[in-house]
Amino acid sequence: MHIYGPTYLHGPQAISPPHSSRVSQPAATNPEAPIQDELDISDAGRMIDKVNEAPDIRQDRVNSIRAQIAAGTYETDAKLEIALDRLLDEIG
């Protein structure tokens, strides 16, 4: 293969030049077999689907928790014990 640059004009070529694509004969198919479509969903697509299925944000609950955090009443010993128990259950 020779590359002569963008301004090079080559001479006449045959009807089937050597650089044309040669199509091979398709493999014989079974006409009795039904044609089946396939769909492959990527991991990213599955993740996006899960995000779309997630419940909407409950803004009233968020505002309530923000107010409790600001007042210093959100973190209680009982809530910390529950969180610690859940963590230990998940680890163990």
N, C-alpha and C. Protein backbone atom coordinates (compact mmCIF):
# COMPACT_ATOMS: atom_id res chain seq x y z
N MET A 1 0.85 -1.17 0.00
CA MET A 1 0.00 0.00 0.00
C MET A 1 0.90 1.23 0.00
N HIS A 2 0.56 2.15 -0.85
CA HIS A 2 1.31 3.40 -0.94
C HIS A 2 0.38 4.56 -0.61
N ILE A 3 0.90 5.48 0.19
CA ILE A 3 0.14 6.68 0.53
C ILE A 3 0.90 7.86 -0.06
N TYR A 4 0.21 8.58 -0.94
CA TYR A 4 0.87 9.67 -1.64
C TYR A 4 0.41 11.04 -1.17
N GLY A 5 -0.51 11.12 -0.23
CA GLY A 5 -0.97 12.41 0.25
C GLY A 5 -2.35 12.73 -0.29
N PRO A 6 -2.93 13.82 0.21
CA PRO A 6 -4.32 14.12 -0.15
C PRO A 6 -4.50 14.65 -1.57
N THR A 7 -3.43 15.10 -2.20
CA THR A 7 -3.58 15.69 -3.53
C THR A 7 -3.22 14.71 -4.64
N TYR A 8 -2.85 13.51 -4.29
CA TYR A 8 -2.44 12.54 -5.31
C TYR A 8 -3.66 12.00 -6.03
N LEU A 9 -3.64 12.01 -7.34
CA LEU A 9 -4.70 11.41 -8.16
C LEU A 9 -4.11 10.21 -8.86
N HIS A 10 -4.71 9.09 -8.69
CA HIS A 10 -4.20 7.88 -9.33
C HIS A 10 -4.92 7.66 -10.65
N GLY A 11 -4.36 6.84 -11.47
CA GLY A 11 -4.90 6.57 -12.80
C GLY A 11 -6.15 5.71 -12.75
N PRO A 12 -6.61 5.31 -13.88
CA PRO A 12 -7.82 4.49 -13.95
C PRO A 12 -7.61 3.15 -13.27
N GLN A 13 -8.69 2.62 -12.74
CA GLN A 13 -8.64 1.33 -12.06
C GLN A 13 -9.62 0.37 -12.71
N ALA A 14 -9.38 -0.88 -12.49
CA ALA A 14 -10.27 -1.91 -13.02
C ALA A 14 -11.61 -1.85 -12.29
N ILE A 15 -12.62 -2.52 -12.87
CA ILE A 15 -13.93 -2.54 -12.24
C ILE A 15 -13.86 -3.16 -10.86
N SER A 16 -13.09 -4.21 -10.69
CA SER A 16 -12.90 -4.84 -9.38
C SER A 16 -11.47 -4.61 -8.94
N PRO A 17 -11.19 -3.42 -8.41
CA PRO A 17 -9.82 -3.14 -8.00
C PRO A 17 -9.41 -4.06 -6.85
N PRO A 18 -8.13 -4.21 -6.63
CA PRO A 18 -7.66 -5.14 -5.61
C PRO A 18 -8.06 -4.72 -4.20
N HIS A 19 -8.39 -3.46 -3.99
CA HIS A 19 -8.74 -3.02 -2.64
C HIS A 19 -10.24 -3.06 -2.37
N SER A 20 -11.02 -3.60 -3.30
CA SER A 20 -12.46 -3.68 -3.04
C SER A 20 -12.74 -4.80 -2.06
N SER A 21 -13.85 -4.71 -1.40
CA SER A 21 -14.18 -5.75 -0.42
C SER A 21 -14.74 -6.95 -1.15
N ARG A 22 -14.29 -8.07 -0.73
CA ARG A 22 -14.77 -9.33 -1.32
C ARG A 22 -15.75 -9.95 -0.33
N VAL A 23 -16.99 -10.03 -0.74
CA VAL A 23 -18.03 -10.56 0.12
C VAL A 23 -18.04 -12.07 -0.01
N SER A 24 -17.91 -12.74 1.12
CA SER A 24 -17.95 -14.20 1.10
C SER A 24 -19.40 -14.66 1.07
N GLN A 25 -19.60 -15.85 0.65
CA GLN A 25 -20.93 -16.42 0.60
C GLN A 25 -21.43 -16.63 2.03
N PRO A 26 -22.65 -16.24 2.33
CA PRO A 26 -23.16 -16.45 3.68
C PRO A 26 -23.31 -17.94 3.97
N ALA A 27 -23.14 -18.28 5.23
CA ALA A 27 -23.26 -19.67 5.64
C ALA A 27 -24.70 -20.12 5.43
N ALA A 28 -24.84 -21.37 5.11
CA ALA A 28 -26.18 -21.92 4.90
C ALA A 28 -26.95 -21.88 6.21
N THR A 29 -28.17 -21.38 6.15
CA THR A 29 -28.99 -21.30 7.34
C THR A 29 -30.10 -22.32 7.25
N ASN A 30 -30.59 -22.70 8.39
CA ASN A 30 -31.68 -23.66 8.46
C ASN A 30 -32.99 -22.88 8.34
N PRO A 31 -33.72 -23.03 7.24
CA PRO A 31 -34.94 -22.24 7.07
C PRO A 31 -36.04 -22.61 8.07
N GLU A 32 -35.95 -23.77 8.69
CA GLU A 32 -36.96 -24.20 9.65
C GLU A 32 -36.74 -23.61 11.04
N ALA A 33 -35.51 -23.19 11.34
CA ALA A 33 -35.21 -22.64 12.67
C ALA A 33 -35.81 -21.24 12.79
N PRO A 34 -36.51 -20.98 13.88
CA PRO A 34 -37.10 -19.63 14.05
C PRO A 34 -36.01 -18.60 14.34
N ILE A 35 -36.23 -17.41 13.87
CA ILE A 35 -35.30 -16.32 14.12
C ILE A 35 -35.60 -15.76 15.50
N GLN A 36 -34.56 -15.61 16.31
CA GLN A 36 -34.74 -15.12 17.67
C GLN A 36 -33.95 -13.83 17.86
N ASP A 37 -34.60 -12.87 18.49
CA ASP A 37 -33.93 -11.63 18.83
C ASP A 37 -33.33 -11.76 20.22
N GLU A 38 -32.24 -11.06 20.46
CA GLU A 38 -31.61 -11.07 21.77
C GLU A 38 -31.44 -9.63 22.25
N LEU A 39 -31.51 -9.47 23.55
CA LEU A 39 -31.30 -8.17 24.16
C LEU A 39 -30.34 -8.34 25.32
N ASP A 40 -29.22 -7.65 25.28
CA ASP A 40 -28.24 -7.68 26.36
C ASP A 40 -28.21 -6.30 27.01
N ILE A 41 -28.52 -6.26 28.28
CA ILE A 41 -28.51 -5.00 29.02
C ILE A 41 -27.23 -4.95 29.83
N SER A 42 -26.49 -3.86 29.69
CA SER A 42 -25.22 -3.72 30.38
C SER A 42 -25.44 -3.51 31.87
N ASP A 43 -24.35 -3.66 32.63
CA ASP A 43 -24.42 -3.41 34.07
C ASP A 43 -24.81 -1.96 34.36
N ALA A 44 -24.29 -1.04 33.55
CA ALA A 44 -24.64 0.37 33.74
C ALA A 44 -26.13 0.59 33.48
N GLY A 45 -26.68 -0.10 32.50
CA GLY A 45 -28.10 0.00 32.23
C GLY A 45 -28.95 -0.53 33.36
N ARG A 46 -28.50 -1.64 33.96
CA ARG A 46 -29.23 -2.20 35.11
C ARG A 46 -29.17 -1.23 36.29
N MET A 47 -28.02 -0.59 36.49
CA MET A 47 -27.87 0.35 37.60
C MET A 47 -28.78 1.56 37.40
N ILE A 48 -28.85 2.05 36.18
CA ILE A 48 -29.73 3.19 35.88
C ILE A 48 -31.18 2.81 36.12
N ASP A 49 -31.54 1.58 35.78
CA ASP A 49 -32.91 1.12 36.01
C ASP A 49 -33.22 1.08 37.51
N LYS A 50 -32.26 0.63 38.32
CA LYS A 50 -32.47 0.61 39.76
C LYS A 50 -32.61 2.01 40.33
N VAL A 51 -31.82 2.94 39.80
CA VAL A 51 -31.91 4.33 40.27
C VAL A 51 -33.28 4.90 39.92
N ASN A 52 -33.77 4.59 38.73
CA ASN A 52 -35.08 5.11 38.33
C ASN A 52 -36.20 4.50 39.16
N GLU A 53 -36.01 3.29 39.68
CA GLU A 53 -37.03 2.64 40.50
C GLU A 53 -36.98 3.08 41.96
N ALA A 54 -35.92 3.78 42.34
CA ALA A 54 -35.79 4.22 43.73
C ALA A 54 -36.92 5.19 44.08
N PRO A 55 -37.36 5.12 45.32
CA PRO A 55 -38.46 6.02 45.71
C PRO A 55 -38.00 7.48 45.69
N ASP A 56 -38.97 8.35 45.53
CA ASP A 56 -38.67 9.79 45.53
C ASP A 56 -38.21 10.22 46.92
N ILE A 57 -37.51 11.33 46.96
CA ILE A 57 -37.01 11.87 48.23
C ILE A 57 -38.19 12.45 49.00
N ARG A 58 -38.28 12.05 50.24
CA ARG A 58 -39.32 12.60 51.11
C ARG A 58 -38.77 13.86 51.76
N GLN A 59 -39.02 14.98 51.13
CA GLN A 59 -38.43 16.24 51.55
C GLN A 59 -38.84 16.62 52.97
N ASP A 60 -40.07 16.27 53.38
CA ASP A 60 -40.49 16.59 54.74
C ASP A 60 -39.65 15.85 55.76
N ARG A 61 -39.30 14.59 55.45
CA ARG A 61 -38.45 13.79 56.36
C ARG A 61 -37.03 14.36 56.40
N VAL A 62 -36.51 14.75 55.24
CA VAL A 62 -35.17 15.34 55.17
C VAL A 62 -35.12 16.62 56.00
N ASN A 63 -36.13 17.45 55.86
CA ASN A 63 -36.16 18.72 56.62
C ASN A 63 -36.24 18.46 58.12
N SER A 64 -37.00 17.44 58.52
CA SER A 64 -37.11 17.11 59.94
C SER A 64 -35.76 16.66 60.50
N ILE A 65 -35.07 15.81 59.77
CA ILE A 65 -33.77 15.31 60.23
C ILE A 65 -32.74 16.44 60.26
N ARG A 66 -32.78 17.33 59.27
CA ARG A 66 -31.86 18.47 59.28
C ARG A 66 -32.09 19.35 60.51
N ALA A 67 -33.34 19.55 60.84
CA ALA A 67 -33.66 20.37 62.01
C ALA A 67 -33.16 19.70 63.29
N GLN A 68 -33.30 18.36 63.39
CA GLN A 68 -32.82 17.63 64.56
C GLN A 68 -31.30 17.70 64.66
N ILE A 69 -30.62 17.58 63.52
CA ILE A 69 -29.15 17.67 63.53
C ILE A 69 -28.72 19.06 63.97
N ALA A 70 -29.38 20.09 63.45
CA ALA A 70 -29.04 21.47 63.81
C ALA A 70 -29.28 21.73 65.29
N ALA A 71 -30.31 21.10 65.85
CA ALA A 71 -30.63 21.29 67.27
C ALA A 71 -29.77 20.41 68.17
N GLY A 72 -29.05 19.45 67.58
CA GLY A 72 -28.21 18.56 68.36
C GLY A 72 -28.97 17.42 69.02
N THR A 73 -30.17 17.13 68.55
CA THR A 73 -30.99 16.07 69.16
C THR A 73 -31.11 14.83 68.28
N TYR A 74 -30.45 14.81 67.14
CA TYR A 74 -30.60 13.67 66.23
C TYR A 74 -29.85 12.44 66.71
N GLU A 75 -28.60 12.61 67.11
CA GLU A 75 -27.79 11.47 67.55
C GLU A 75 -28.06 11.19 69.02
N THR A 76 -28.76 10.07 69.25
CA THR A 76 -29.04 9.65 70.62
C THR A 76 -28.34 8.33 70.88
N ASP A 77 -28.19 7.97 72.13
CA ASP A 77 -27.54 6.70 72.46
C ASP A 77 -28.31 5.52 71.88
N ALA A 78 -29.62 5.58 71.89
CA ALA A 78 -30.43 4.48 71.35
C ALA A 78 -30.19 4.31 69.85
N LYS A 79 -30.14 5.41 69.08
CA LYS A 79 -29.90 5.33 67.64
C LYS A 79 -28.50 4.80 67.36
N LEU A 80 -27.52 5.23 68.15
CA LEU A 80 -26.16 4.74 67.95
C LEU A 80 -26.05 3.25 68.25
N GLU A 81 -26.75 2.76 69.26
CA GLU A 81 -26.76 1.33 69.58
C GLU A 81 -27.38 0.53 68.44
N ILE A 82 -28.48 1.01 67.89
CA ILE A 82 -29.13 0.33 66.76
C ILE A 82 -28.19 0.28 65.56
N ALA A 83 -27.54 1.39 65.27
CA ALA A 83 -26.61 1.44 64.14
C ALA A 83 -25.43 0.50 64.35
N LEU A 84 -24.91 0.45 65.57
CA LEU A 84 -23.80 -0.44 65.88
C LEU A 84 -24.22 -1.90 65.76
N ASP A 85 -25.40 -2.24 66.26
CA ASP A 85 -25.89 -3.61 66.15
C ASP A 85 -26.06 -4.02 64.68
N ARG A 86 -26.61 -3.13 63.86
CA ARG A 86 -26.78 -3.43 62.44
C ARG A 86 -25.43 -3.61 61.74
N LEU A 87 -24.46 -2.78 62.11
CA LEU A 87 -23.12 -2.89 61.53
C LEU A 87 -22.49 -4.22 61.88
N LEU A 88 -22.58 -4.60 63.16
CA LEU A 88 -22.00 -5.88 63.61
C LEU A 88 -22.71 -7.06 62.95
N ASP A 89 -24.03 -6.97 62.76
CA ASP A 89 -24.76 -8.04 62.09
C ASP A 89 -24.30 -8.17 60.63
N GLU A 90 -24.05 -7.05 60.00
CA GLU A 90 -23.64 -7.07 58.60
C GLU A 90 -22.22 -7.61 58.47
N ILE A 91 -21.34 -7.24 59.37
CA ILE A 91 -19.95 -7.70 59.31
C ILE A 91 -19.86 -9.19 59.67
N GLY A 92 -20.57 -9.59 60.72
CA GLY A 92 -20.46 -10.96 61.23
C GLY A 92 -21.39 -11.85 60.56
